[in-house]
Amino acid sequence: MSDKQLAVIDDDEAVRDSLIWLFDGQGFQTTGFDSAEAFLAGPGPAAFNALIVDLRLSGISGIVLLERLAEHPYCPPVIMLTAHGDVPHAVAALKLGAIDFMEKPFDDGRLLAMVDQALLRDQQERDRFGRLSRLNQSLALLTEREREVMQLILAGKLNKQIADELAISMKTVEVHRSRVFDKMGVKSAVELAGLMAVLDKPDAGSKG
């Protein structure tokens, strides 16, 4: 996919068309939606690199849409558009994952700068999401015994210590260790620890 796919979700046709014209004029590929329902019935949030969402939509509101988006495996950065006086609601949107908000009428230059920041964040988050997905796929290949051996390797245990703790032979430990490294795509315990550190990051379970 292109890295300049934007979705504009606004039930005001004039505003929506104006935003599409603004973004397309800057080289973005913009798709407009007149409701949250129409967006949710589309290709999904991961098909876009950033979402520009009106806070006060008819039907499902922008806030509820954010809650629905949190249920998806990956959601790109969201910029909320708000009318004057909606700042408290916009703050609530930030708590639900929106990266920024702008009051209407908005400044084109500032909005474009926000979109550029959103695209950079999307690239970073997609990279992290991809690494995490590949890691989980590798972990799913491990048997229960291999997981036990891996945990002891990560704890710094030597093969003899692992053999004693699991009541298995050194040869069996060596076989399991080799299989763990192969399935996880690493060549050493240090590499394995570095790979697994991804899961220890506070945002490792983030949906984006």
Protein backbone atom coordinates (compact mmCIF):
# COMPACT_ATOMS: atom_id res chain seq x y z
CA MET A 1 0.00 0.00 0.00
CA SER A 2 0.99 3.63 -0.44
CA ASP A 3 2.24 5.35 2.72
CA LYS A 4 0.00 8.37 2.02
CA GLN A 5 -3.46 6.86 2.38
CA LEU A 6 -5.76 9.14 4.40
CA ALA A 7 -9.36 8.68 5.52
CA VAL A 8 -11.53 11.72 6.24
CA ILE A 9 -14.59 10.88 8.33
CA ASP A 10 -16.95 13.87 8.54
CA ASP A 11 -20.71 14.11 8.01
CA ASP A 12 -20.43 17.70 6.78
CA GLU A 13 -20.09 17.32 3.01
CA ALA A 14 -18.56 20.76 2.51
CA VAL A 15 -15.90 20.17 5.16
CA ARG A 16 -15.22 16.66 3.90
CA ASP A 17 -14.81 17.78 0.29
CA SER A 18 -12.60 20.68 1.38
CA LEU A 19 -10.29 18.35 3.29
CA ILE A 20 -10.10 15.87 0.43
CA TRP A 21 -9.19 18.72 -1.95
CA LEU A 22 -6.55 19.99 0.51
CA PHE A 23 -4.92 16.59 1.05
CA ASP A 24 -5.09 15.44 -2.56
CA GLY A 25 -3.44 18.71 -3.58
CA GLN A 26 -0.49 17.74 -1.36
CA GLY A 27 -0.07 14.35 -2.99
CA PHE A 28 -2.08 12.26 -0.52
CA GLN A 29 -4.60 9.63 -1.57
CA THR A 30 -7.72 10.57 0.35
CA THR A 31 -10.96 8.67 0.85
CA GLY A 32 -13.98 10.40 2.37
CA PHE A 33 -16.63 8.81 4.59
CA ASP A 34 -19.84 10.54 5.66
CA SER A 35 -20.22 8.52 8.86
CA ALA A 36 -18.39 6.24 11.25
CA GLU A 37 -20.68 3.44 10.13
CA ALA A 38 -19.59 3.88 6.51
CA PHE A 39 -15.95 3.81 7.57
CA LEU A 40 -16.37 0.68 9.69
CA ALA A 41 -18.03 -1.04 6.72
CA GLY A 42 -14.99 -0.22 4.57
CA PRO A 43 -11.62 -1.94 4.17
CA GLY A 44 -10.63 -1.39 7.82
CA PRO A 45 -8.39 1.10 9.62
CA ALA A 46 -5.14 -0.66 8.69
CA ALA A 47 -5.79 0.25 5.03
CA PHE A 48 -4.99 3.88 5.90
CA ASN A 49 -1.93 5.66 7.28
CA ALA A 50 -3.89 8.29 9.20
CA LEU A 51 -7.51 9.06 10.04
CA ILE A 52 -9.01 12.54 10.28
CA VAL A 53 -12.21 12.21 12.28
CA ASP A 54 -14.89 14.73 13.21
CA LEU A 55 -15.72 14.50 16.90
CA ARG A 56 -19.45 15.14 16.49
CA LEU A 57 -20.64 12.70 13.85
CA SER A 58 -24.28 11.84 13.34
CA GLY A 59 -24.90 8.25 14.32
CA ILE A 60 -21.80 6.75 15.92
CA SER A 61 -19.80 9.63 17.39
CA GLY A 62 -16.09 10.18 16.93
CA ILE A 63 -15.51 9.08 20.53
CA VAL A 64 -17.40 5.82 20.05
CA LEU A 65 -15.55 5.27 16.78
CA LEU A 66 -12.24 5.49 18.67
CA GLU A 67 -13.52 2.83 21.06
CA ARG A 68 -14.45 0.59 18.11
CA LEU A 69 -11.07 1.14 16.48
CA ALA A 70 -9.34 -0.06 19.64
CA GLU A 71 -10.82 -3.50 18.93
CA HIS A 72 -8.81 -3.81 15.70
CA PRO A 73 -5.33 -5.39 15.67
CA TYR A 74 -3.86 -2.21 14.20
CA CYS A 75 -5.18 1.32 13.95
CA PRO A 76 -3.25 4.21 12.37
CA PRO A 77 -2.90 7.58 14.13
CA VAL A 78 -6.12 9.56 14.52
CA ILE A 79 -6.49 13.35 14.36
CA MET A 80 -9.76 14.65 15.77
CA LEU A 81 -11.55 17.71 14.37
CA THR A 82 -13.69 19.57 16.89
CA ALA A 83 -16.04 22.52 16.90
CA HIS A 84 -15.46 25.43 19.27
CA GLY A 85 -16.32 24.45 22.83
CA ASP A 86 -15.64 20.74 22.37
CA VAL A 87 -12.17 20.85 23.90
CA PRO A 88 -13.12 18.72 26.96
CA HIS A 89 -14.42 16.05 24.59
CA ALA A 90 -11.28 16.34 22.51
CA VAL A 91 -9.20 15.71 25.62
CA ALA A 92 -11.26 12.57 26.21
CA ALA A 93 -10.46 11.55 22.63
CA LEU A 94 -6.75 11.93 23.35
CA LYS A 95 -7.12 9.55 26.27
CA LEU A 96 -8.70 7.03 23.87
CA GLY A 97 -5.73 7.15 21.55
CA ALA A 98 -6.15 10.17 19.25
CA ILE A 99 -2.74 11.78 18.72
CA ASP A 100 -3.98 15.37 18.38
CA PHE A 101 -7.04 17.52 17.79
CA MET A 102 -7.80 20.74 15.96
CA GLU A 103 -10.66 23.16 16.41
CA LYS A 104 -12.75 24.25 13.43
CA PRO A 105 -12.21 26.41 11.48
CA PHE A 106 -8.70 25.01 11.20
CA ASP A 107 -5.45 26.31 9.79
CA ASP A 108 -4.48 24.32 6.70
CA GLY A 109 -0.76 24.54 7.36
CA ARG A 110 -1.05 23.31 10.93
CA LEU A 111 -3.35 20.47 9.91
CA LEU A 112 -0.94 19.36 7.17
CA ALA A 113 1.90 19.42 9.71
CA MET A 114 -0.20 17.21 12.00
CA VAL A 115 -0.79 14.77 9.14
CA ASP A 116 2.95 14.61 8.40
CA GLN A 117 3.59 13.76 12.05
CA ALA A 118 0.83 11.16 11.96
CA LEU A 119 2.37 9.48 8.90
CA LEU A 120 5.77 9.30 10.57
CA ARG A 121 4.20 7.75 13.65
CA ASP A 122 2.26 5.30 11.48
CA GLN A 123 5.48 4.13 9.85
CA GLN A 124 7.10 3.59 13.24
CA GLU A 125 4.07 1.83 14.68
CA ARG A 126 3.65 -0.44 11.65
CA ASP A 127 7.29 -1.48 11.94
CA ARG A 128 6.83 -2.27 15.64
CA PHE A 129 3.53 -4.04 14.99
CA GLY A 130 5.16 -6.14 12.28
CA ARG A 131 8.02 -7.16 14.55
CA LEU A 132 5.61 -8.06 17.33
CA SER A 133 3.42 -10.09 14.96
CA ARG A 134 6.40 -12.04 13.64
CA LEU A 135 7.59 -12.67 17.19
CA ASN A 136 4.20 -14.03 18.24
CA GLN A 137 4.13 -16.27 15.16
CA SER A 138 7.54 -17.67 16.11
CA LEU A 139 6.47 -18.23 19.71
CA ALA A 140 3.42 -20.15 18.50
CA LEU A 141 5.76 -22.69 16.86
CA LEU A 142 7.39 -23.65 20.17
CA THR A 143 6.32 -26.76 22.04
CA GLU A 144 5.58 -26.56 25.75
CA ARG A 145 8.97 -28.12 26.56
CA GLU A 146 10.76 -25.72 24.23
CA ARG A 147 9.08 -22.80 25.98
CA GLU A 148 10.31 -24.14 29.32
CA VAL A 149 13.84 -24.43 27.99
CA MET A 150 13.63 -20.94 26.47
CA GLN A 151 12.58 -19.39 29.77
CA LEU A 152 15.52 -21.00 31.54
CA ILE A 153 17.89 -19.84 28.78
CA LEU A 154 16.56 -16.31 29.25
CA ALA A 155 17.13 -16.67 32.99
CA GLY A 156 20.82 -17.27 32.23
CA LYS A 157 20.85 -20.97 33.07
CA LEU A 158 23.55 -23.21 31.59
CA ASN A 159 22.65 -26.43 29.78
CA LYS A 160 23.57 -28.57 32.80
CA GLN A 161 21.43 -26.41 35.10
CA ILE A 162 18.50 -26.65 32.67
CA ALA A 163 18.92 -30.42 32.47
CA ASP A 164 18.90 -30.74 36.26
CA GLU A 165 15.90 -28.45 36.70
CA LEU A 166 13.79 -30.20 34.06
CA ALA A 167 15.11 -33.68 34.87
CA ILE A 168 16.19 -34.33 31.31
CA SER A 169 19.53 -35.19 29.73
CA MET A 170 22.09 -32.65 28.55
CA LYS A 171 21.69 -33.99 25.01
CA THR A 172 17.94 -33.35 25.15
CA VAL A 173 18.57 -29.82 26.37
CA GLU A 174 20.95 -29.22 23.48
CA VAL A 175 18.32 -30.45 21.01
CA HIS A 176 15.61 -28.21 22.51
CA ARG A 177 17.98 -25.25 22.64
CA SER A 178 18.83 -25.68 18.96
CA ARG A 179 15.15 -25.92 18.02
CA VAL A 180 14.31 -22.80 20.04
CA PHE A 181 17.04 -20.83 18.28
CA ASP A 182 15.93 -22.10 14.85
CA LYS A 183 12.25 -21.31 15.40
CA MET A 184 12.97 -17.89 16.89
CA GLY A 185 15.47 -17.07 14.14
CA VAL A 186 18.41 -16.34 16.45
CA LYS A 187 21.91 -17.74 16.89
CA SER A 188 22.60 -17.01 20.56
CA ALA A 189 21.01 -16.47 23.95
CA VAL A 190 21.90 -12.77 23.70
CA GLU A 191 20.00 -12.44 20.42
CA LEU A 192 17.08 -14.30 21.93
CA ALA A 193 16.99 -11.96 24.93
CA GLY A 194 17.07 -8.94 22.63
CA LEU A 195 14.22 -10.33 20.57
CA MET A 196 12.08 -11.10 23.60
CA ALA A 197 12.69 -7.62 25.02
CA VAL A 198 10.08 -6.39 22.52
CA LEU A 199 7.41 -8.11 24.63
CA ASP A 200 8.59 -6.34 27.77
CA LYS A 201 8.01 -2.85 26.36
CA PRO A 202 4.99 -1.07 27.90
CA ASP A 203 3.37 -0.58 24.48
CA ALA A 204 4.02 -4.12 23.27
CA GLY A 205 0.34 -4.95 23.48
CA SER A 206 -0.75 -1.64 21.98
CA LYS A 207 -3.13 -1.71 19.02
CA GLY A 208 -1.61 1.45 17.65
